[in-house]
Structure formats: structure tokens, C-alpha cells
């Protein structure tokens, strides 16, 4: 039963994975598994022969004599010259990926299971990559949120409390009073200047000279003053 089941399964796998499966011996083969990680490996406009850089792994399968009643011997390796993926390291992740197949093997003993194992392994590897990519993105989002919060804090004022409002009100009133006092003082100075100018306009030349407001009194202005004095004397007589 074991050999017949193995041959039958091997033929089915050949039809499912015509380009991915490679025989090592009559009882041993490997299946190349291409992982879908949600990112195109190259631009769709590029040539079809452009190298595909999607992450890949190889499931190595060896049939024991009593397979499928006995569990297959499995190993996971990386294709030769495959580029290192930032979220998958076959050497470090092999144990975790093989452990993900344990329940499937147990549940399928007595039945052909390699196709199921390939499917589960593919899903497990893709989930591992997604978890790590999401974790990295979450950290990046946290850092971005911190930066945004710091930027927003620059434009946010201090929270208003009753004490802070009263302090602001007192300061504002004091500033208003100071501004009003300054305006009053400026007006007083301006009014004083106007009175001086008006007074100077009413002074005669002699008065201006006596108060030192001019350097010399014109003779004509002095004559006018004498005539005024004569008129005052005549009127008194």
C-alpha cells in the first residue's frame, strides 16, 4: 500500500507542480514554493524574462517505507543564490515553519498529505512575513505619531485654568492702565507745547528779546512799542 500510494501521489504532484517539483530519487523530491507577500517583484511593464525576486523556499520530502501511515521526512531549505529577504531567514525560521506542519501531519496520517503540507507551509511563511512587516510598520507609525504630536504641541497653548485666567486678566488690566497713563502724559506734554507756542505768538519783539527767545529786536518793533507807550501817556493826560 505504501509504495503504490507514494507513486500515485507523486504523479498528482507532478501535474500540480510541473515546474516546481524536482526528483532526487524514487522516494525523495523537493518542491519549490513561491511566496506571495503582497508586493510585485518587478514592474509589470518590464520584460517577462526579468528575474523574479519574490521570496521562495524549498520543501524537501522523503518518503519512509510505510508512508502515508508513517509521517514523511521533511526539511526546509533556501534556493541557491536566493536574495536575502528582510522578513524571512530560512536558517533561523526553519524550526518554526516545520513546527507549523506538525498538526497537519498528525491529522492526515494514513492519507496522501504532501499537497496539503505545501499549502500549509506556504501560508505559514507568508503569515510570518506579514507579521514582521506589520510589526515594523507599527513601530514606524508610533514614531511618526510621536513626531506629529511634538509638532502639534508647538501650536497648542497652555490649558486655561481659573488661576491662569485671573492672572492674565490682571496683567491685561495693568497694561491698559499703563497705556492710558502714557497717553495722558503725552497729551499733557503736547498741550504744554501748544500753550508755549500760542504765548510766543502774542509776545512783542521786545518781550521776546527780554525773555531770550530771539537774539535781536528789530528797530521797527521797538518803535512800535514806543508809539504804544506814547498813546498810553496821552490818554492818561
C-alpha atoms as a PDB file:
ATOM      1  CA  UNK A   1       0.000   0.000   0.000  1.00  0.00           C
ATOM      2  CA  UNK A   2       2.786   2.421   0.849  1.00  0.00           C
ATOM      3  CA  UNK A   3       4.699   2.249  -2.452  1.00  0.00           C
ATOM      4  CA  UNK A   4       1.515   2.441  -4.553  1.00  0.00           C
ATOM      5  CA  UNK A   5       0.264   5.465  -2.610  1.00  0.00           C
ATOM      6  CA  UNK A   6       3.639   7.140  -2.971  1.00  0.00           C
ATOM      7  CA  UNK A   7       3.720   6.652  -6.766  1.00  0.00           C
ATOM      8  CA  UNK A   8       0.136   7.798  -7.143  1.00  0.00           C
ATOM      9  CA  UNK A   9       0.757  10.927  -5.070  1.00  0.00           C
ATOM     10  CA  UNK A  10       3.960  11.657  -6.935  1.00  0.00           C
ATOM     11  CA  UNK A  11       2.060  11.645 -10.256  1.00  0.00           C
ATOM     12  CA  UNK A  12      -0.585  14.008  -8.857  1.00  0.00           C
ATOM     13  CA  UNK A  13       2.057  16.379  -7.539  1.00  0.00           C
ATOM     14  CA  UNK A  14       3.769  16.356 -10.943  1.00  0.00           C
ATOM     15  CA  UNK A  15       0.547  17.599 -12.543  1.00  0.00           C
ATOM     16  CA  UNK A  16       0.050  20.276  -9.874  1.00  0.00           C
ATOM     17  CA  UNK A  17       3.660  21.479  -9.719  1.00  0.00           C
ATOM     18  CA  UNK A  18       5.083  20.693 -13.165  1.00  0.00           C
ATOM     19  CA  UNK A  19       7.847  23.305 -12.910  1.00  0.00           C
ATOM     20  CA  UNK A  20       8.279  23.416  -9.139  1.00  0.00           C
ATOM     21  CA  UNK A  21       8.908  19.751  -8.354  1.00  0.00           C
ATOM     22  CA  UNK A  22      12.287  18.083  -8.789  1.00  0.00           C
ATOM     23  CA  UNK A  23      13.085  14.409  -8.185  1.00  0.00           C
ATOM     24  CA  UNK A  24      16.069  13.475  -6.087  1.00  0.00           C
ATOM     25  CA  UNK A  25      15.397   9.720  -6.055  1.00  0.00           C
ATOM     26  CA  UNK A  26      12.448   7.310  -6.298  1.00  0.00           C
ATOM     27  CA  UNK A  27      11.456   8.188  -2.749  1.00  0.00           C
ATOM     28  CA  UNK A  28      12.759  11.720  -2.420  1.00  0.00           C
ATOM     29  CA  UNK A  29      11.908  15.001  -4.145  1.00  0.00           C
ATOM     30  CA  UNK A  30      11.709  18.708  -3.446  1.00  0.00           C
ATOM     31  CA  UNK A  31       9.053  21.314  -4.166  1.00  0.00           C
ATOM     32  CA  UNK A  32       9.887  24.962  -4.824  1.00  0.00           C
ATOM     33  CA  UNK A  33       7.363  27.226  -3.090  1.00  0.00           C
ATOM     34  CA  UNK A  34       6.966  30.831  -4.210  1.00  0.00           C
ATOM     35  CA  UNK A  35       5.558  33.089  -1.516  1.00  0.00           C
ATOM     36  CA  UNK A  36       3.035  35.830  -2.175  1.00  0.00           C
ATOM     37  CA  UNK A  37       3.833  38.798   0.062  1.00  0.00           C
ATOM     38  CA  UNK A  38       1.570  41.411  -1.486  1.00  0.00           C
ATOM     39  CA  UNK A  39       4.349  43.217  -3.349  1.00  0.00           C
ATOM     40  CA  UNK A  40       5.119  42.820  -7.051  1.00  0.00           C
ATOM     41  CA  UNK A  41       8.608  41.520  -7.629  1.00  0.00           C
ATOM     42  CA  UNK A  42       9.081  43.763 -10.680  1.00  0.00           C
ATOM     43  CA  UNK A  43       7.316  46.318 -12.815  1.00  0.00           C
ATOM     44  CA  UNK A  44       4.543  44.878 -14.959  1.00  0.00           C
ATOM     45  CA  UNK A  45       5.836  46.887 -17.921  1.00  0.00           C
ATOM     46  CA  UNK A  46       9.224  45.168 -17.806  1.00  0.00           C
ATOM     47  CA  UNK A  47      10.084  42.116 -19.927  1.00  0.00           C
ATOM     48  CA  UNK A  48       8.646  38.781 -18.884  1.00  0.00           C
ATOM     49  CA  UNK A  49      12.138  37.328 -18.555  1.00  0.00           C
ATOM     50  CA  UNK A  50      13.009  39.804 -15.788  1.00  0.00           C
ATOM     51  CA  UNK A  51      14.290  37.920 -12.744  1.00  0.00           C
ATOM     52  CA  UNK A  52      11.592  37.203 -10.167  1.00  0.00           C
ATOM     53  CA  UNK A  53      12.779  38.281  -6.726  1.00  0.00           C
ATOM     54  CA  UNK A  54       9.758  37.059  -4.755  1.00  0.00           C
ATOM     55  CA  UNK A  55      10.782  35.121  -1.629  1.00  0.00           C
ATOM     56  CA  UNK A  56      10.995  31.368  -2.160  1.00  0.00           C
ATOM     57  CA  UNK A  57      11.703  28.273  -0.117  1.00  0.00           C
ATOM     58  CA  UNK A  58      12.077  24.562  -0.838  1.00  0.00           C
ATOM     59  CA  UNK A  59      10.218  21.765   0.914  1.00  0.00           C
ATOM     60  CA  UNK A  60      12.359  18.642   0.801  1.00  0.00           C
ATOM     61  CA  UNK A  61      10.306  15.447   1.083  1.00  0.00           C
ATOM     62  CA  UNK A  62      11.468  11.874   1.681  1.00  0.00           C
ATOM     63  CA  UNK A  63       9.018   9.002   1.809  1.00  0.00           C
ATOM     64  CA  UNK A  64       9.633   6.422   4.555  1.00  0.00           C
ATOM     65  CA  UNK A  65       8.683   2.858   3.576  1.00  0.00           C
ATOM     66  CA  UNK A  66       5.315   2.969   5.364  1.00  0.00           C
ATOM     67  CA  UNK A  67       4.186   6.432   4.151  1.00  0.00           C
ATOM     68  CA  UNK A  68       1.384   7.599   4.349  1.00  0.00           C
ATOM     69  CA  UNK A  69       0.844   5.603   7.527  1.00  0.00           C
ATOM     70  CA  UNK A  70       4.149   6.992   8.667  1.00  0.00           C
ATOM     71  CA  UNK A  71       4.979  10.703   8.641  1.00  0.00           C
ATOM     72  CA  UNK A  72       7.158  11.918   5.752  1.00  0.00           C
ATOM     73  CA  UNK A  73      10.661  13.172   6.488  1.00  0.00           C
ATOM     74  CA  UNK A  74      10.722  16.891   5.816  1.00  0.00           C
ATOM     75  CA  UNK A  75      13.280  19.626   5.605  1.00  0.00           C
ATOM     76  CA  UNK A  76      13.132  23.256   4.512  1.00  0.00           C
ATOM     77  CA  UNK A  77      15.942  24.940   2.600  1.00  0.00           C
ATOM     78  CA  UNK A  78      16.530  28.095   0.627  1.00  0.00           C
ATOM     79  CA  UNK A  79      17.039  28.071  -3.148  1.00  0.00           C
ATOM     80  CA  UNK A  80      20.663  28.544  -4.220  1.00  0.00           C
ATOM     81  CA  UNK A  81      21.716  32.195  -4.709  1.00  0.00           C
ATOM     82  CA  UNK A  82      18.320  33.409  -3.492  1.00  0.00           C
ATOM     83  CA  UNK A  83      18.427  37.035  -2.248  1.00  0.00           C
ATOM     84  CA  UNK A  84      18.029  37.527   1.481  1.00  0.00           C
ATOM     85  CA  UNK A  85      14.542  38.625   2.420  1.00  0.00           C
ATOM     86  CA  UNK A  86      14.203  41.248   5.189  1.00  0.00           C
ATOM     87  CA  UNK A  87      11.417  39.340   6.954  1.00  0.00           C
ATOM     88  CA  UNK A  88      12.350  35.685   6.346  1.00  0.00           C
ATOM     89  CA  UNK A  89      15.510  33.807   7.246  1.00  0.00           C
ATOM     90  CA  UNK A  90      15.245  30.092   6.432  1.00  0.00           C
ATOM     91  CA  UNK A  91      18.120  29.145   8.718  1.00  0.00           C
ATOM     92  CA  UNK A  92      16.587  30.879  11.731  1.00  0.00           C
ATOM     93  CA  UNK A  93      12.932  30.250  10.867  1.00  0.00           C
ATOM     94  CA  UNK A  94      13.173  26.579   9.849  1.00  0.00           C
ATOM     95  CA  UNK A  95      12.126  25.169  13.226  1.00  0.00           C
ATOM     96  CA  UNK A  96       9.111  27.427  13.470  1.00  0.00           C
ATOM     97  CA  UNK A  97       7.986  26.577   9.952  1.00  0.00           C
ATOM     98  CA  UNK A  98       8.417  22.830  10.449  1.00  0.00           C
ATOM     99  CA  UNK A  99       6.507  23.027  13.732  1.00  0.00           C
ATOM    100  CA  UNK A 100       3.625  24.626  11.848  1.00  0.00           C
ATOM    101  CA  UNK A 101       3.254  21.356   9.911  1.00  0.00           C
ATOM    102  CA  UNK A 102       3.034  19.049  12.940  1.00  0.00           C
ATOM    103  CA  UNK A 103      -0.745  19.166  13.412  1.00  0.00           C
ATOM    104  CA  UNK A 104      -1.381  18.714   9.695  1.00  0.00           C
ATOM    105  CA  UNK A 105       0.834  15.617   9.617  1.00  0.00           C
ATOM    106  CA  UNK A 106      -0.919  14.139  12.646  1.00  0.00           C
ATOM    107  CA  UNK A 107      -4.383  14.816  11.232  1.00  0.00           C
ATOM    108  CA  UNK A 108      -3.537  13.287   7.833  1.00  0.00           C
ATOM    109  CA  UNK A 109      -1.714  10.084   8.771  1.00  0.00           C
ATOM    110  CA  UNK A 110      -2.934   7.293   6.507  1.00  0.00           C
ATOM    111  CA  UNK A 111      -3.679   9.756   3.699  1.00  0.00           C
ATOM    112  CA  UNK A 112      -1.626  11.417   0.992  1.00  0.00           C
ATOM    113  CA  UNK A 113      -0.666  14.766   2.532  1.00  0.00           C
ATOM    114  CA  UNK A 114       2.187  16.428   0.620  1.00  0.00           C
ATOM    115  CA  UNK A 115      -0.018  18.874  -1.280  1.00  0.00           C
ATOM    116  CA  UNK A 116      -1.679  19.871   1.990  1.00  0.00           C
ATOM    117  CA  UNK A 117       1.716  20.294   3.638  1.00  0.00           C
ATOM    118  CA  UNK A 118       2.915  22.532   0.800  1.00  0.00           C
ATOM    119  CA  UNK A 119      -0.190  24.694   1.199  1.00  0.00           C
ATOM    120  CA  UNK A 120       0.168  24.962   4.983  1.00  0.00           C
ATOM    121  CA  UNK A 121       3.895  25.735   4.734  1.00  0.00           C
ATOM    122  CA  UNK A 122       3.238  28.474   2.175  1.00  0.00           C
ATOM    123  CA  UNK A 123       0.563  30.020   4.374  1.00  0.00           C
ATOM    124  CA  UNK A 124       2.769  29.831   7.475  1.00  0.00           C
ATOM    125  CA  UNK A 125       5.731  31.500   5.768  1.00  0.00           C
ATOM    126  CA  UNK A 126       3.569  34.264   4.305  1.00  0.00           C
ATOM    127  CA  UNK A 127       1.959  34.848   7.701  1.00  0.00           C
ATOM    128  CA  UNK A 128       5.389  35.082   9.320  1.00  0.00           C
ATOM    129  CA  UNK A 129       6.496  37.675   6.778  1.00  0.00           C
ATOM    130  CA  UNK A 130       3.260  39.653   7.188  1.00  0.00           C
ATOM    131  CA  UNK A 131       3.586  39.673  10.992  1.00  0.00           C
ATOM    132  CA  UNK A 132       7.109  41.045  10.819  1.00  0.00           C
ATOM    133  CA  UNK A 133       6.248  43.613   8.167  1.00  0.00           C
ATOM    134  CA  UNK A 134       3.243  44.760  10.207  1.00  0.00           C
ATOM    135  CA  UNK A 135       5.351  44.975  13.362  1.00  0.00           C
ATOM    136  CA  UNK A 136       7.887  47.151  11.591  1.00  0.00           C
ATOM    137  CA  UNK A 137       5.135  49.333  10.164  1.00  0.00           C
ATOM    138  CA  UNK A 138       3.554  49.628  13.616  1.00  0.00           C
ATOM    139  CA  UNK A 139       6.852  50.880  15.050  1.00  0.00           C
ATOM    140  CA  UNK A 140       7.176  53.337  12.184  1.00  0.00           C
ATOM    141  CA  UNK A 141       3.608  54.550  12.822  1.00  0.00           C
ATOM    142  CA  UNK A 142       4.376  55.025  16.523  1.00  0.00           C
ATOM    143  CA  UNK A 143       7.468  57.078  15.726  1.00  0.00           C
ATOM    144  CA  UNK A 144       5.541  59.124  13.171  1.00  0.00           C
ATOM    145  CA  UNK A 145       2.778  59.739  15.728  1.00  0.00           C
ATOM    146  CA  UNK A 146       5.358  60.932  18.262  1.00  0.00           C
ATOM    147  CA  UNK A 147       6.829  63.347  15.724  1.00  0.00           C
ATOM    148  CA  UNK A 148       3.372  64.622  14.784  1.00  0.00           C
ATOM    149  CA  UNK A 149       2.437  65.036  18.445  1.00  0.00           C
ATOM    150  CA  UNK A 150       5.610  67.011  19.077  1.00  0.00           C
ATOM    151  CA  UNK A 151       4.878  69.247  16.082  1.00  0.00           C
ATOM    152  CA  UNK A 152       1.277  69.814  17.174  1.00  0.00           C
ATOM    153  CA  UNK A 153       2.419  70.677  20.686  1.00  0.00           C
ATOM    154  CA  UNK A 154       4.252  73.676  19.249  1.00  0.00           C
ATOM    155  CA  UNK A 155       0.931  75.174  18.174  1.00  0.00           C
ATOM    156  CA  UNK A 156      -1.065  74.351  21.285  1.00  0.00           C
ATOM    157  CA  UNK A 157      -1.287  76.880  24.084  1.00  0.00           C
ATOM    158  CA  UNK A 158      -1.282  76.178  27.775  1.00  0.00           C
ATOM    159  CA  UNK A 159      -4.548  74.841  29.171  1.00  0.00           C
ATOM    160  CA  UNK A 160      -6.648  77.655  30.678  1.00  0.00           C
ATOM    161  CA  UNK A 161      -7.471  77.380  34.373  1.00  0.00           C
ATOM    162  CA  UNK A 162      -9.234  79.826  36.686  1.00  0.00           C
ATOM    163  CA  UNK A 163      -5.912  80.856  38.193  1.00  0.00           C
ATOM    164  CA  UNK A 164      -4.223  81.378  34.835  1.00  0.00           C
ATOM    165  CA  UNK A 165      -7.220  83.373  33.562  1.00  0.00           C
ATOM    166  CA  UNK A 166      -7.239  85.669  36.601  1.00  0.00           C
ATOM    167  CA  UNK A 167      -3.504  86.230  36.252  1.00  0.00           C
ATOM    168  CA  UNK A 168      -3.944  87.056  32.577  1.00  0.00           C
ATOM    169  CA  UNK A 169      -6.831  89.415  33.348  1.00  0.00           C
ATOM    170  CA  UNK A 170      -4.845  91.322  35.970  1.00  0.00           C
ATOM    171  CA  UNK A 171      -1.902  91.639  33.628  1.00  0.00           C
ATOM    172  CA  UNK A 172      -4.148  92.807  30.809  1.00  0.00           C
ATOM    173  CA  UNK A 173      -5.811  95.448  33.006  1.00  0.00           C
ATOM    174  CA  UNK A 174      -2.428  96.684  34.214  1.00  0.00           C
ATOM    175  CA  UNK A 175      -1.268  97.019  30.617  1.00  0.00           C
ATOM    176  CA  UNK A 176      -4.412  99.003  29.753  1.00  0.00           C
ATOM    177  CA  UNK A 177      -3.908 101.324  32.705  1.00  0.00           C
ATOM    178  CA  UNK A 178      -0.276 101.866  31.781  1.00  0.00           C
ATOM    179  CA  UNK A 179      -1.257 102.626  28.201  1.00  0.00           C
ATOM    180  CA  UNK A 180      -3.910 105.127  29.360  1.00  0.00           C
ATOM    181  CA  UNK A 181      -1.449 106.855  31.719  1.00  0.00           C
ATOM    182  CA  UNK A 182       1.086 107.127  28.919  1.00  0.00           C
ATOM    183  CA  UNK A 183      -1.494 108.688  26.609  1.00  0.00           C
ATOM    184  CA  UNK A 184      -2.481 111.223  29.311  1.00  0.00           C
ATOM    185  CA  UNK A 185       1.146 112.198  29.870  1.00  0.00           C
ATOM    186  CA  UNK A 186       1.749 112.576  26.149  1.00  0.00           C
ATOM    187  CA  UNK A 187      -1.360 114.758  25.848  1.00  0.00           C
ATOM    188  CA  UNK A 188      -0.222 116.963  28.733  1.00  0.00           C
ATOM    189  CA  UNK A 189       3.153 117.451  27.095  1.00  0.00           C
ATOM    190  CA  UNK A 190       1.523 118.240  23.787  1.00  0.00           C
ATOM    191  CA  UNK A 191      -0.896 120.747  25.366  1.00  0.00           C
ATOM    192  CA  UNK A 192       2.006 122.459  27.161  1.00  0.00           C
ATOM    193  CA  UNK A 193       3.868 122.826  23.890  1.00  0.00           C
ATOM    194  CA  UNK A 194       0.797 124.346  22.255  1.00  0.00           C
ATOM    195  CA  UNK A 195       0.375 126.889  25.078  1.00  0.00           C
ATOM    196  CA  UNK A 196       4.003 127.922  24.785  1.00  0.00           C
ATOM    197  CA  UNK A 197       3.683 128.389  21.026  1.00  0.00           C
ATOM    198  CA  UNK A 198       0.493 130.440  21.414  1.00  0.00           C
ATOM    199  CA  UNK A 199       2.093 132.589  24.107  1.00  0.00           C
ATOM    200  CA  UNK A 200       5.149 133.181  21.960  1.00  0.00           C
ATOM    201  CA  UNK A 201       2.953 134.348  19.116  1.00  0.00           C
ATOM    202  CA  UNK A 202       1.392 137.037  21.383  1.00  0.00           C
ATOM    203  CA  UNK A 203       4.699 138.470  22.678  1.00  0.00           C
ATOM    204  CA  UNK A 204       6.117 141.633  21.132  1.00  0.00           C
ATOM    205  CA  UNK A 205       9.594 141.753  19.777  1.00  0.00           C
ATOM    206  CA  UNK A 206      10.912 143.411  22.941  1.00  0.00           C
ATOM    207  CA  UNK A 207       9.287 140.730  25.149  1.00  0.00           C
ATOM    208  CA  UNK A 208      10.752 138.029  23.018  1.00  0.00           C
ATOM    209  CA  UNK A 209      14.152 139.683  23.320  1.00  0.00           C
ATOM    210  CA  UNK A 210      13.804 140.213  27.074  1.00  0.00           C
ATOM    211  CA  UNK A 211      12.895 136.534  27.559  1.00  0.00           C
ATOM    212  CA  UNK A 212      15.809 135.498  25.403  1.00  0.00           C
ATOM    213  CA  UNK A 213      13.594 133.915  22.803  1.00  0.00           C
ATOM    214  CA  UNK A 214      15.230 135.915  19.971  1.00  0.00           C
ATOM    215  CA  UNK A 215      18.739 137.246  19.550  1.00  0.00           C
ATOM    216  CA  UNK A 216      17.844 140.814  18.424  1.00  0.00           C
ATOM    217  CA  UNK A 217      14.758 143.017  18.344  1.00  0.00           C
ATOM    218  CA  UNK A 218      14.062 144.827  15.086  1.00  0.00           C
ATOM    219  CA  UNK A 219      14.112 148.631  15.377  1.00  0.00           C
ATOM    220  CA  UNK A 220      10.701 148.751  13.797  1.00  0.00           C
ATOM    221  CA  UNK A 221       9.260 146.517  16.525  1.00  0.00           C
ATOM    222  CA  UNK A 222      10.946 148.717  19.153  1.00  0.00           C
ATOM    223  CA  UNK A 223       9.436 151.833  17.581  1.00  0.00           C
ATOM    224  CA  UNK A 224       6.017 150.275  17.665  1.00  0.00           C
ATOM    225  CA  UNK A 225       6.422 149.683  21.387  1.00  0.00           C
ATOM    226  CA  UNK A 226       7.414 153.354  21.943  1.00  0.00           C
ATOM    227  CA  UNK A 227       4.406 154.588  19.988  1.00  0.00           C
ATOM    228  CA  UNK A 228       2.138 152.418  22.104  1.00  0.00           C
ATOM    229  CA  UNK A 229       3.717 153.879  25.242  1.00  0.00           C
ATOM    230  CA  UNK A 230       3.144 157.455  23.950  1.00  0.00           C
ATOM    231  CA  UNK A 231      -0.503 156.714  23.254  1.00  0.00           C
ATOM    232  CA  UNK A 232      -0.940 155.345  26.757  1.00  0.00           C
ATOM    233  CA  UNK A 233       0.652 158.596  28.250  1.00  0.00           C
ATOM    234  CA  UNK A 234      -1.520 160.934  26.114  1.00  0.00           C
ATOM    235  CA  UNK A 235      -4.657 159.097  27.079  1.00  0.00           C
ATOM    236  CA  UNK A 236      -3.682 159.403  30.715  1.00  0.00           C
ATOM    237  CA  UNK A 237      -3.217 163.200  30.416  1.00  0.00           C
END
